[in-house]
Amino acid sequence: MDILLAILQLALLFGGWFIYTYVKKLPDQVHAKNLKAFELDLNKQLEEFRNQLTTDLELMKINESQLHIHKTQEFSKLVEVLLISLNDKDYVRKLGNDRKLQKEHNRKMLDLGTKLFFFASDETVKKYVEFRKYSLSINTPEYKSMQNIVILAELMVLIRRDLGYSHTECTKDDFLHIMLKDWNKYETEG
């Protein structure tokens, strides 16, 4: 009977130890289970967030691309009008005599100038304002047509930068060599 009692006590002791170790590991097991569920939920949320960011980024790239195309078109129209105003003497003469053409030209310049204000950098807008002010001073003694062309060339370089060539090495002189066949005569003055 002593042996049976000893075996029973030993079994009870072993059972108690087994229950004690099981109960002791239970919080770690519950914690591990909750942690795994939390990680799965967090990974799911992160994946959804990443997908949303990817979608938003792609939409932003598309919008930026469309804006860049529109910006390029509007800048090209402005440059075309500015160059016609400087190079086409017949147009300038007609502009001085034809009120309707003058009104249309002023409307077009306001429209293109407004778009430049929206799409261009501050530096470009300020250079355009300088060009316009200087162009309007044509009947003053301070006006020099070559200075007006130099300001236009500086404006062209700034527009080039605004269109994405931010590290351009092209200068106003490069543009003036394109625009004027004899710019090398004036280059040291400007």
N, C-alpha and C. Protein backbone atom coordinates (compact mmCIF):
# COMPACT_ATOMS: atom_id res chain seq x y z
N MET A 1 0.81 -1.17 0.00
CA MET A 1 0.00 0.00 0.00
C MET A 1 0.88 1.26 0.00
N ASP A 2 1.97 1.16 0.66
CA ASP A 2 2.89 2.29 0.66
C ASP A 2 3.41 2.56 -0.75
N ILE A 3 3.62 1.50 -1.44
CA ILE A 3 4.12 1.66 -2.81
C ILE A 3 3.04 2.32 -3.66
N LEU A 4 1.82 1.85 -3.48
CA LEU A 4 0.71 2.40 -4.23
C LEU A 4 0.51 3.87 -3.88
N LEU A 5 0.62 4.15 -2.61
CA LEU A 5 0.50 5.53 -2.15
C LEU A 5 1.65 6.36 -2.71
N ALA A 6 2.83 5.83 -2.74
CA ALA A 6 3.99 6.54 -3.27
C ALA A 6 3.81 6.77 -4.77
N ILE A 7 3.31 5.76 -5.47
CA ILE A 7 3.09 5.90 -6.91
C ILE A 7 2.01 6.94 -7.16
N LEU A 8 0.95 6.90 -6.35
CA LEU A 8 -0.13 7.87 -6.48
C LEU A 8 0.38 9.28 -6.20
N GLN A 9 1.19 9.41 -5.16
CA GLN A 9 1.76 10.72 -4.85
C GLN A 9 2.67 11.19 -5.98
N LEU A 10 3.44 10.25 -6.49
CA LEU A 10 4.33 10.59 -7.60
C LEU A 10 3.52 10.98 -8.84
N ALA A 11 2.44 10.27 -9.12
CA ALA A 11 1.58 10.58 -10.25
C ALA A 11 0.92 11.93 -10.04
N LEU A 12 0.48 12.17 -8.80
CA LEU A 12 -0.13 13.45 -8.47
C LEU A 12 0.89 14.57 -8.62
N LEU A 13 2.10 14.33 -8.15
CA LEU A 13 3.17 15.32 -8.27
C LEU A 13 3.50 15.56 -9.74
N PHE A 14 3.60 14.49 -10.52
CA PHE A 14 3.88 14.60 -11.94
C PHE A 14 2.74 15.32 -12.67
N GLY A 15 1.50 14.98 -12.33
CA GLY A 15 0.32 15.63 -12.90
C GLY A 15 0.29 17.11 -12.54
N GLY A 16 0.62 17.42 -11.29
CA GLY A 16 0.66 18.83 -10.85
C GLY A 16 1.74 19.60 -11.60
N TRP A 17 2.90 18.94 -11.73
CA TRP A 17 3.99 19.60 -12.46
C TRP A 17 3.59 19.83 -13.92
N PHE A 18 2.94 18.84 -14.55
CA PHE A 18 2.50 18.94 -15.92
C PHE A 18 1.47 20.08 -16.08
N ILE A 19 0.50 20.14 -15.16
CA ILE A 19 -0.51 21.21 -15.19
C ILE A 19 0.15 22.57 -14.96
N TYR A 20 1.08 22.60 -14.02
CA TYR A 20 1.79 23.86 -13.72
C TYR A 20 2.55 24.35 -14.96
N THR A 21 3.30 23.48 -15.64
CA THR A 21 4.06 23.91 -16.83
C THR A 21 3.12 24.28 -17.97
N TYR A 22 2.00 23.57 -18.11
CA TYR A 22 1.03 23.88 -19.16
C TYR A 22 0.42 25.26 -18.90
N VAL A 23 0.01 25.50 -17.65
CA VAL A 23 -0.59 26.79 -17.29
C VAL A 23 0.44 27.90 -17.42
N LYS A 24 1.69 27.59 -17.08
CA LYS A 24 2.76 28.59 -17.17
C LYS A 24 2.99 28.97 -18.63
N LYS A 25 2.90 28.02 -19.59
CA LYS A 25 3.11 28.30 -21.00
C LYS A 25 1.86 28.87 -21.68
N LEU A 26 0.73 28.75 -21.06
CA LEU A 26 -0.54 29.20 -21.64
C LEU A 26 -0.54 30.68 -22.02
N PRO A 27 -0.06 31.62 -21.16
CA PRO A 27 -0.05 33.03 -21.57
C PRO A 27 0.85 33.27 -22.80
N ASP A 28 2.00 32.55 -22.85
CA ASP A 28 2.87 32.71 -24.02
C ASP A 28 2.19 32.20 -25.28
N GLN A 29 1.46 31.10 -25.16
CA GLN A 29 0.76 30.54 -26.31
C GLN A 29 -0.37 31.47 -26.77
N VAL A 30 -1.12 32.01 -25.81
CA VAL A 30 -2.20 32.95 -26.14
C VAL A 30 -1.60 34.20 -26.77
N HIS A 31 -0.50 34.69 -26.20
CA HIS A 31 0.17 35.87 -26.72
C HIS A 31 0.67 35.61 -28.15
N ALA A 32 1.29 34.46 -28.37
CA ALA A 32 1.80 34.11 -29.70
C ALA A 32 0.65 34.03 -30.70
N LYS A 33 -0.45 33.45 -30.30
CA LYS A 33 -1.62 33.33 -31.18
C LYS A 33 -2.17 34.71 -31.52
N ASN A 34 -2.30 35.58 -30.49
CA ASN A 34 -2.80 36.94 -30.72
C ASN A 34 -1.81 37.75 -31.57
N LEU A 35 -0.51 37.54 -31.32
CA LEU A 35 0.51 38.25 -32.08
C LEU A 35 0.45 37.86 -33.55
N LYS A 36 0.27 36.59 -33.81
CA LYS A 36 0.17 36.11 -35.19
C LYS A 36 -1.07 36.71 -35.87
N ALA A 37 -2.20 36.74 -35.16
CA ALA A 37 -3.42 37.33 -35.71
C ALA A 37 -3.22 38.82 -35.96
N PHE A 38 -2.54 39.49 -35.03
CA PHE A 38 -2.25 40.92 -35.18
C PHE A 38 -1.34 41.15 -36.38
N GLU A 39 -0.30 40.32 -36.53
CA GLU A 39 0.61 40.46 -37.67
C GLU A 39 -0.12 40.25 -38.99
N LEU A 40 -0.99 39.25 -39.04
CA LEU A 40 -1.76 39.02 -40.27
C LEU A 40 -2.65 40.22 -40.60
N ASP A 41 -3.32 40.75 -39.58
CA ASP A 41 -4.19 41.92 -39.78
C ASP A 41 -3.36 43.13 -40.21
N LEU A 42 -2.23 43.33 -39.55
CA LEU A 42 -1.37 44.45 -39.88
C LEU A 42 -0.82 44.31 -41.30
N ASN A 43 -0.39 43.12 -41.68
CA ASN A 43 0.11 42.89 -43.04
C ASN A 43 -0.98 43.15 -44.07
N LYS A 44 -2.19 42.75 -43.76
CA LYS A 44 -3.32 42.98 -44.67
C LYS A 44 -3.55 44.49 -44.84
N GLN A 45 -3.56 45.22 -43.72
CA GLN A 45 -3.77 46.66 -43.78
C GLN A 45 -2.63 47.34 -44.54
N LEU A 46 -1.38 46.91 -44.28
CA LEU A 46 -0.24 47.49 -44.98
C LEU A 46 -0.31 47.21 -46.48
N GLU A 47 -0.72 46.02 -46.85
CA GLU A 47 -0.86 45.67 -48.26
C GLU A 47 -1.94 46.53 -48.92
N GLU A 48 -3.06 46.73 -48.25
CA GLU A 48 -4.12 47.60 -48.78
C GLU A 48 -3.62 49.03 -48.92
N PHE A 49 -2.88 49.50 -47.92
CA PHE A 49 -2.34 50.86 -47.95
C PHE A 49 -1.33 51.01 -49.09
N ARG A 50 -0.47 50.01 -49.27
CA ARG A 50 0.52 50.03 -50.35
C ARG A 50 -0.19 50.04 -51.71
N ASN A 51 -1.22 49.23 -51.87
CA ASN A 51 -1.97 49.21 -53.12
C ASN A 51 -2.63 50.56 -53.40
N GLN A 52 -3.18 51.18 -52.36
CA GLN A 52 -3.80 52.50 -52.51
C GLN A 52 -2.76 53.55 -52.89
N LEU A 53 -1.59 53.50 -52.23
CA LEU A 53 -0.52 54.44 -52.57
C LEU A 53 -0.04 54.24 -54.00
N THR A 54 0.08 53.00 -54.42
CA THR A 54 0.51 52.72 -55.79
C THR A 54 -0.51 53.26 -56.78
N THR A 55 -1.77 53.06 -56.51
CA THR A 55 -2.83 53.57 -57.38
C THR A 55 -2.79 55.10 -57.42
N ASP A 56 -2.68 55.73 -56.25
CA ASP A 56 -2.62 57.19 -56.20
C ASP A 56 -1.39 57.73 -56.93
N LEU A 57 -0.26 57.04 -56.78
CA LEU A 57 0.97 57.47 -57.45
C LEU A 57 0.81 57.37 -58.97
N GLU A 58 0.23 56.30 -59.44
CA GLU A 58 0.01 56.15 -60.88
C GLU A 58 -0.94 57.22 -61.41
N LEU A 59 -1.99 57.51 -60.67
CA LEU A 59 -2.92 58.58 -61.09
C LEU A 59 -2.21 59.93 -61.11
N MET A 60 -1.37 60.16 -60.12
CA MET A 60 -0.63 61.42 -60.05
C MET A 60 0.34 61.52 -61.24
N LYS A 61 0.98 60.41 -61.61
CA LYS A 61 1.88 60.42 -62.76
C LYS A 61 1.11 60.72 -64.04
N ILE A 62 -0.06 60.13 -64.18
CA ILE A 62 -0.88 60.38 -65.36
C ILE A 62 -1.30 61.85 -65.41
N ASN A 63 -1.75 62.38 -64.28
CA ASN A 63 -2.17 63.79 -64.22
C ASN A 63 -1.00 64.71 -64.52
N GLU A 64 0.17 64.40 -63.96
CA GLU A 64 1.35 65.23 -64.19
C GLU A 64 1.75 65.19 -65.67
N SER A 65 1.65 64.02 -66.26
CA SER A 65 1.99 63.87 -67.67
C SER A 65 1.03 64.69 -68.54
N GLN A 66 -0.26 64.62 -68.24
CA GLN A 66 -1.25 65.39 -68.99
C GLN A 66 -1.03 66.89 -68.78
N LEU A 67 -0.71 67.28 -67.56
CA LEU A 67 -0.45 68.69 -67.28
C LEU A 67 0.79 69.15 -68.04
N HIS A 68 1.81 68.29 -68.09
CA HIS A 68 3.04 68.66 -68.79
C HIS A 68 2.77 68.87 -70.28
N ILE A 69 1.95 68.00 -70.86
CA ILE A 69 1.60 68.15 -72.28
C ILE A 69 0.87 69.47 -72.49
N HIS A 70 -0.10 69.76 -71.63
CA HIS A 70 -0.87 71.01 -71.74
C HIS A 70 0.06 72.22 -71.55
N LYS A 71 0.91 72.13 -70.57
CA LYS A 71 1.86 73.21 -70.28
C LYS A 71 2.77 73.46 -71.49
N THR A 72 3.26 72.40 -72.08
CA THR A 72 4.13 72.52 -73.25
C THR A 72 3.39 73.19 -74.41
N GLN A 73 2.14 72.81 -74.62
CA GLN A 73 1.35 73.41 -75.70
C GLN A 73 1.15 74.90 -75.46
N GLU A 74 0.81 75.26 -74.23
CA GLU A 74 0.57 76.68 -73.94
C GLU A 74 1.85 77.50 -74.03
N PHE A 75 2.96 76.96 -73.55
CA PHE A 75 4.23 77.67 -73.67
C PHE A 75 4.61 77.84 -75.14
N SER A 76 4.36 76.80 -75.94
CA SER A 76 4.68 76.88 -77.38
C SER A 76 3.86 77.96 -78.05
N LYS A 77 2.57 78.06 -77.70
CA LYS A 77 1.72 79.10 -78.26
C LYS A 77 2.24 80.49 -77.88
N LEU A 78 2.63 80.64 -76.63
CA LEU A 78 3.15 81.93 -76.17
C LEU A 78 4.42 82.31 -76.94
N VAL A 79 5.33 81.36 -77.06
CA VAL A 79 6.58 81.62 -77.77
C VAL A 79 6.29 81.99 -79.22
N GLU A 80 5.36 81.29 -79.83
CA GLU A 80 4.99 81.58 -81.22
C GLU A 80 4.50 83.02 -81.36
N VAL A 81 3.61 83.44 -80.48
CA VAL A 81 3.08 84.81 -80.53
C VAL A 81 4.19 85.82 -80.28
N LEU A 82 5.06 85.55 -79.32
CA LEU A 82 6.15 86.49 -79.03
C LEU A 82 7.11 86.61 -80.21
N LEU A 83 7.43 85.49 -80.83
CA LEU A 83 8.35 85.53 -81.96
C LEU A 83 7.72 86.21 -83.17
N ILE A 84 6.44 85.98 -83.41
CA ILE A 84 5.76 86.67 -84.51
C ILE A 84 5.77 88.17 -84.26
N SER A 85 5.54 88.55 -83.01
CA SER A 85 5.52 89.98 -82.67
C SER A 85 6.87 90.64 -82.89
N LEU A 86 7.94 89.87 -82.77
CA LEU A 86 9.28 90.44 -82.95
C LEU A 86 9.78 90.32 -84.39
N ASN A 87 9.45 89.25 -85.07
CA ASN A 87 10.06 88.96 -86.37
C ASN A 87 9.21 89.31 -87.58
N ASP A 88 7.91 89.32 -87.44
CA ASP A 88 7.04 89.54 -88.60
C ASP A 88 6.66 91.01 -88.67
N LYS A 89 7.38 91.74 -89.49
CA LYS A 89 7.14 93.19 -89.60
C LYS A 89 5.76 93.50 -90.18
N ASP A 90 5.27 92.67 -91.10
CA ASP A 90 3.93 92.87 -91.66
C ASP A 90 2.87 92.72 -90.56
N TYR A 91 3.05 91.70 -89.72
CA TYR A 91 2.10 91.49 -88.62
C TYR A 91 2.12 92.69 -87.67
N VAL A 92 3.30 93.18 -87.35
CA VAL A 92 3.42 94.32 -86.43
C VAL A 92 2.77 95.56 -87.05
N ARG A 93 2.98 95.77 -88.37
CA ARG A 93 2.36 96.91 -89.04
C ARG A 93 0.84 96.79 -89.02
N LYS A 94 0.33 95.59 -89.36
CA LYS A 94 -1.12 95.36 -89.33
C LYS A 94 -1.66 95.54 -87.91
N LEU A 95 -0.89 95.09 -86.95
CA LEU A 95 -1.30 95.20 -85.55
C LEU A 95 -1.46 96.67 -85.15
N GLY A 96 -0.59 97.53 -85.66
CA GLY A 96 -0.68 98.96 -85.36
C GLY A 96 -1.85 99.64 -86.03
N ASN A 97 -2.33 99.09 -87.15
CA ASN A 97 -3.39 99.73 -87.92
C ASN A 97 -4.77 99.11 -87.74
N ASP A 98 -4.83 97.86 -87.39
CA ASP A 98 -6.10 97.12 -87.35
C ASP A 98 -6.54 96.94 -85.89
N ARG A 99 -7.59 97.66 -85.49
CA ARG A 99 -8.09 97.59 -84.11
C ARG A 99 -8.58 96.18 -83.75
N LYS A 100 -9.22 95.53 -84.72
CA LYS A 100 -9.74 94.19 -84.47
C LYS A 100 -8.57 93.22 -84.21
N LEU A 101 -7.56 93.31 -85.05
CA LEU A 101 -6.37 92.45 -84.87
C LEU A 101 -5.67 92.77 -83.56
N GLN A 102 -5.60 94.05 -83.24
CA GLN A 102 -4.98 94.49 -81.99
C GLN A 102 -5.74 93.92 -80.78
N LYS A 103 -7.05 93.98 -80.86
CA LYS A 103 -7.89 93.46 -79.78
C LYS A 103 -7.68 91.94 -79.63
N GLU A 104 -7.66 91.23 -80.75
CA GLU A 104 -7.44 89.79 -80.74
C GLU A 104 -6.04 89.45 -80.18
N HIS A 105 -5.05 90.23 -80.59
CA HIS A 105 -3.68 90.03 -80.10
C HIS A 105 -3.61 90.25 -78.58
N ASN A 106 -4.24 91.30 -78.11
CA ASN A 106 -4.24 91.60 -76.67
C ASN A 106 -4.96 90.50 -75.88
N ARG A 107 -6.07 90.01 -76.44
CA ARG A 107 -6.80 88.92 -75.79
C ARG A 107 -5.93 87.66 -75.71
N LYS A 108 -5.27 87.36 -76.82
CA LYS A 108 -4.40 86.18 -76.87
C LYS A 108 -3.24 86.33 -75.87
N MET A 109 -2.65 87.51 -75.81
CA MET A 109 -1.54 87.74 -74.87
C MET A 109 -2.00 87.63 -73.42
N LEU A 110 -3.20 88.13 -73.13
CA LEU A 110 -3.74 88.00 -71.77
C LEU A 110 -3.98 86.54 -71.44
N ASP A 111 -4.57 85.81 -72.37
CA ASP A 111 -4.85 84.39 -72.15
C ASP A 111 -3.55 83.62 -71.93
N LEU A 112 -2.58 83.81 -72.82
CA LEU A 112 -1.32 83.08 -72.71
C LEU A 112 -0.52 83.53 -71.48
N GLY A 113 -0.57 84.81 -71.17
CA GLY A 113 0.12 85.31 -69.97
C GLY A 113 -0.49 84.74 -68.70
N THR A 114 -1.81 84.61 -68.68
CA THR A 114 -2.49 84.01 -67.53
C THR A 114 -2.09 82.55 -67.37
N LYS A 115 -2.04 81.83 -68.47
CA LYS A 115 -1.63 80.42 -68.41
C LYS A 115 -0.18 80.31 -67.97
N LEU A 116 0.66 81.22 -68.44
CA LEU A 116 2.05 81.24 -67.99
C LEU A 116 2.10 81.46 -66.48
N PHE A 117 1.25 82.35 -65.99
CA PHE A 117 1.20 82.62 -64.55
C PHE A 117 0.86 81.36 -63.77
N PHE A 118 -0.04 80.54 -64.30
CA PHE A 118 -0.45 79.31 -63.63
C PHE A 118 0.60 78.21 -63.72
N PHE A 119 1.23 78.07 -64.88
CA PHE A 119 2.08 76.92 -65.13
C PHE A 119 3.57 77.16 -64.91
N ALA A 120 4.01 78.38 -64.92
CA ALA A 120 5.45 78.66 -64.90
C ALA A 120 5.95 78.95 -63.48
N SER A 121 7.25 78.88 -63.35
CA SER A 121 7.88 79.20 -62.07
C SER A 121 7.81 80.71 -61.83
N ASP A 122 8.04 81.10 -60.60
CA ASP A 122 8.02 82.53 -60.26
C ASP A 122 9.05 83.30 -61.09
N GLU A 123 10.22 82.71 -61.25
CA GLU A 123 11.29 83.38 -61.99
C GLU A 123 10.86 83.63 -63.45
N THR A 124 10.19 82.66 -64.04
CA THR A 124 9.72 82.80 -65.42
C THR A 124 8.64 83.87 -65.53
N VAL A 125 7.71 83.87 -64.59
CA VAL A 125 6.64 84.88 -64.60
C VAL A 125 7.25 86.27 -64.48
N LYS A 126 8.19 86.43 -63.57
CA LYS A 126 8.83 87.75 -63.38
C LYS A 126 9.57 88.18 -64.65
N LYS A 127 10.23 87.24 -65.32
CA LYS A 127 10.95 87.58 -66.55
C LYS A 127 9.95 87.95 -67.65
N TYR A 128 8.81 87.28 -67.71
CA TYR A 128 7.77 87.62 -68.69
C TYR A 128 7.23 89.03 -68.42
N VAL A 129 7.01 89.35 -67.17
CA VAL A 129 6.54 90.69 -66.80
C VAL A 129 7.59 91.73 -67.22
N GLU A 130 8.86 91.42 -66.97
CA GLU A 130 9.93 92.33 -67.40
C GLU A 130 9.90 92.51 -68.92
N PHE A 131 9.73 91.42 -69.64
CA PHE A 131 9.65 91.49 -71.10
C PHE A 131 8.48 92.36 -71.55
N ARG A 132 7.32 92.13 -70.95
CA ARG A 132 6.13 92.92 -71.33
C ARG A 132 6.33 94.40 -71.02
N LYS A 133 6.86 94.69 -69.83
CA LYS A 133 7.08 96.10 -69.48
C LYS A 133 8.06 96.75 -70.45
N TYR A 134 9.12 96.04 -70.76
CA TYR A 134 10.12 96.61 -71.66
C TYR A 134 9.55 96.75 -73.07
N SER A 135 8.75 95.79 -73.49
CA SER A 135 8.12 95.85 -74.82
C SER A 135 7.18 97.04 -74.93
N LEU A 136 6.51 97.37 -73.85
CA LEU A 136 5.58 98.49 -73.86
C LEU A 136 6.28 99.85 -73.81
N SER A 137 7.58 99.84 -73.51
CA SER A 137 8.32 101.11 -73.44
C SER A 137 8.99 101.43 -74.77
N ILE A 138 8.44 100.89 -75.87
CA ILE A 138 9.05 101.03 -77.20
C ILE A 138 9.21 102.49 -77.63
N ASN A 139 8.36 103.39 -77.18
CA ASN A 139 8.41 104.80 -77.59
C ASN A 139 9.17 105.67 -76.60
N THR A 140 9.97 105.08 -75.73
CA THR A 140 10.77 105.85 -74.77
C THR A 140 12.24 105.83 -75.20
N PRO A 141 13.00 106.83 -74.78
CA PRO A 141 14.42 106.88 -75.17
C PRO A 141 15.25 105.71 -74.59
N GLU A 142 14.79 105.11 -73.50
CA GLU A 142 15.54 104.02 -72.87
C GLU A 142 15.40 102.70 -73.63
N TYR A 143 14.44 102.63 -74.55
CA TYR A 143 14.16 101.37 -75.24
C TYR A 143 15.26 101.04 -76.23
N LYS A 144 15.73 99.80 -76.17
CA LYS A 144 16.70 99.29 -77.14
C LYS A 144 16.15 97.95 -77.62
N SER A 145 15.91 97.84 -78.91
CA SER A 145 15.30 96.61 -79.42
C SER A 145 16.14 95.38 -79.11
N MET A 146 17.45 95.52 -79.12
CA MET A 146 18.32 94.38 -78.84
C MET A 146 18.14 93.92 -77.39
N GLN A 147 17.94 94.85 -76.48
CA GLN A 147 17.71 94.49 -75.07
C GLN A 147 16.42 93.70 -74.92
N ASN A 148 15.42 94.08 -75.69
CA ASN A 148 14.15 93.36 -75.66
C ASN A 148 14.35 91.92 -76.14
N ILE A 149 15.16 91.72 -77.15
CA ILE A 149 15.44 90.38 -77.66
C ILE A 149 16.24 89.56 -76.65
N VAL A 150 17.15 90.20 -75.95
CA VAL A 150 17.94 89.51 -74.91
C VAL A 150 17.02 89.06 -73.76
N ILE A 151 16.09 89.93 -73.37
CA ILE A 151 15.14 89.55 -72.31
C ILE A 151 14.29 88.37 -72.78
N LEU A 152 13.87 88.40 -74.04
CA LEU A 152 13.11 87.28 -74.60
C LEU A 152 13.93 86.00 -74.55
N ALA A 153 15.20 86.07 -74.89
CA ALA A 153 16.07 84.89 -74.86
C ALA A 153 16.21 84.35 -73.43
N GLU A 154 16.32 85.24 -72.46
CA GLU A 154 16.38 84.81 -71.06
C GLU A 154 15.07 84.13 -70.66
N LEU A 155 13.97 84.67 -71.15
CA LEU A 155 12.66 84.07 -70.90
C LEU A 155 12.58 82.66 -71.51
N MET A 156 13.12 82.49 -72.71
CA MET A 156 13.10 81.18 -73.36
C MET A 156 13.87 80.14 -72.54
N VAL A 157 15.00 80.53 -71.99
CA VAL A 157 15.79 79.60 -71.16
C VAL A 157 15.00 79.21 -69.91
N LEU A 158 14.32 80.18 -69.31
CA LEU A 158 13.52 79.89 -68.11
C LEU A 158 12.33 78.98 -68.45
N ILE A 159 11.70 79.21 -69.58
CA ILE A 159 10.60 78.34 -70.01
C ILE A 159 11.14 76.92 -70.23
N ARG A 160 12.30 76.83 -70.83
CA ARG A 160 12.94 75.52 -71.05
C ARG A 160 13.12 74.80 -69.71
N ARG A 161 13.56 75.51 -68.71
CA ARG A 161 13.73 74.90 -67.38
C ARG A 161 12.38 74.45 -66.81
N ASP A 162 11.37 75.28 -66.99
CA ASP A 162 10.03 74.94 -66.47
C ASP A 162 9.44 73.71 -67.16
N LEU A 163 9.91 73.44 -68.38
CA LEU A 163 9.41 72.28 -69.11
C LEU A 163 10.16 70.99 -68.77
N GLY A 164 11.06 71.07 -67.81
CA GLY A 164 11.70 69.84 -67.33
C GLY A 164 13.19 69.78 -67.54
N TYR A 165 13.77 70.71 -68.25
CA TYR A 165 15.21 70.70 -68.45
C TYR A 165 15.87 71.56 -67.37
N SER A 166 15.69 71.14 -66.14
CA SER A 166 16.13 71.96 -65.01
C SER A 166 17.65 72.10 -64.92
N HIS A 167 18.37 71.17 -65.50
CA HIS A 167 19.83 71.24 -65.45
C HIS A 167 20.41 71.59 -66.82
N THR A 168 19.66 72.38 -67.58
CA THR A 168 20.10 72.74 -68.93
C THR A 168 21.38 73.56 -68.89
N GLU A 169 22.21 73.34 -69.87
CA GLU A 169 23.41 74.14 -70.01
C GLU A 169 23.24 75.15 -71.14
N CYS A 170 22.08 75.14 -71.77
CA CYS A 170 21.79 76.12 -72.82
C CYS A 170 21.61 77.49 -72.18
N THR A 171 22.05 78.50 -72.89
CA THR A 171 21.98 79.86 -72.37
C THR A 171 21.19 80.74 -73.35
N LYS A 172 21.00 81.97 -72.96
CA LYS A 172 20.32 82.93 -73.83
C LYS A 172 21.09 83.09 -75.13
N ASP A 173 22.42 83.01 -75.05
CA ASP A 173 23.22 83.15 -76.27
C ASP A 173 22.94 82.01 -77.25
N ASP A 174 22.72 80.81 -76.75
CA ASP A 174 22.37 79.69 -77.63
C ASP A 174 21.07 79.99 -78.36
N PHE A 175 20.08 80.49 -77.62
CA PHE A 175 18.81 80.83 -78.27
C PHE A 175 19.00 81.96 -79.26
N LEU A 176 19.78 82.96 -78.90
CA LEU A 176 19.98 84.10 -79.79
C LEU A 176 20.75 83.71 -81.06
N HIS A 177 21.64 82.74 -80.96
CA HIS A 177 22.31 82.24 -82.17
C HIS A 177 21.31 81.51 -83.07
N ILE A 178 20.30 80.88 -82.48
CA ILE A 178 19.24 80.23 -83.27
C ILE A 178 18.36 81.29 -83.92
N MET A 179 18.02 82.31 -83.17
CA MET A 179 17.06 83.32 -83.62
C MET A 179 17.69 84.33 -84.59
N LEU A 180 18.93 84.72 -84.33
CA LEU A 180 19.57 85.77 -85.13
C LEU A 180 20.81 85.22 -85.82
N LYS A 181 20.88 85.43 -87.12
CA LYS A 181 22.05 84.90 -87.83
C LYS A 181 23.32 85.70 -87.53
N ASP A 182 23.19 86.93 -87.05
CA ASP A 182 24.37 87.76 -86.78
C ASP A 182 24.55 88.06 -85.28
N TRP A 183 24.09 87.16 -84.43
CA TRP A 183 24.19 87.42 -82.99
C TRP A 183 25.63 87.56 -82.53
N ASN A 184 26.57 86.91 -83.20
CA ASN A 184 27.96 87.00 -82.76
C ASN A 184 28.48 88.44 -82.82
N LYS A 185 27.86 89.32 -83.63
CA LYS A 185 28.25 90.74 -83.65
C LYS A 185 27.87 91.43 -82.35
N TYR A 186 26.74 91.01 -81.76
CA TYR A 186 26.19 91.67 -80.58
C TYR A 186 26.53 90.94 -79.27
N GLU A 187 27.00 89.74 -79.39
CA GLU A 187 27.17 88.86 -78.22
C GLU A 187 27.99 89.50 -77.10
N THR A 188 29.03 90.20 -77.41
CA THR A 188 29.86 90.80 -76.36
C THR A 188 29.15 91.97 -75.69
N GLU A 189 28.22 92.61 -76.40
CA GLU A 189 27.47 93.72 -75.81
C GLU A 189 26.42 93.23 -74.84
N GLY A 190 25.73 92.12 -75.19
CA GLY A 190 24.59 91.62 -74.41
C GLY A 190 25.06 90.84 -73.25
